């Protein structure tokens, strides 16, 4: 079965660039911005968006990778999430 192209590489770049600008506009800059990408397929786009924000804002923005494996409800074969006791002070 062949691959179906949904967006051209240039359109993906433009879309991620526009997303970066919208994030900057919505947050009125990137001074207090933290960027996360879901581990595996979400980290590369997060890095592209971080690079775009960095170019516009002239600062380095390093995205974090987020592992959502323990929270997936579509994988019954995964062990249940073990929660640590929470202490409120």
Foldseek 3Di string as FASTA:
>chain_A
DDDDDPDDPVVLLVVLLVVLVVVCVVVVACPPPAAEFEPDPGQVSSVSSQVSSCVVRVHHHHYYYDYCVQVDPVCPVDDHDDDDDDDDD
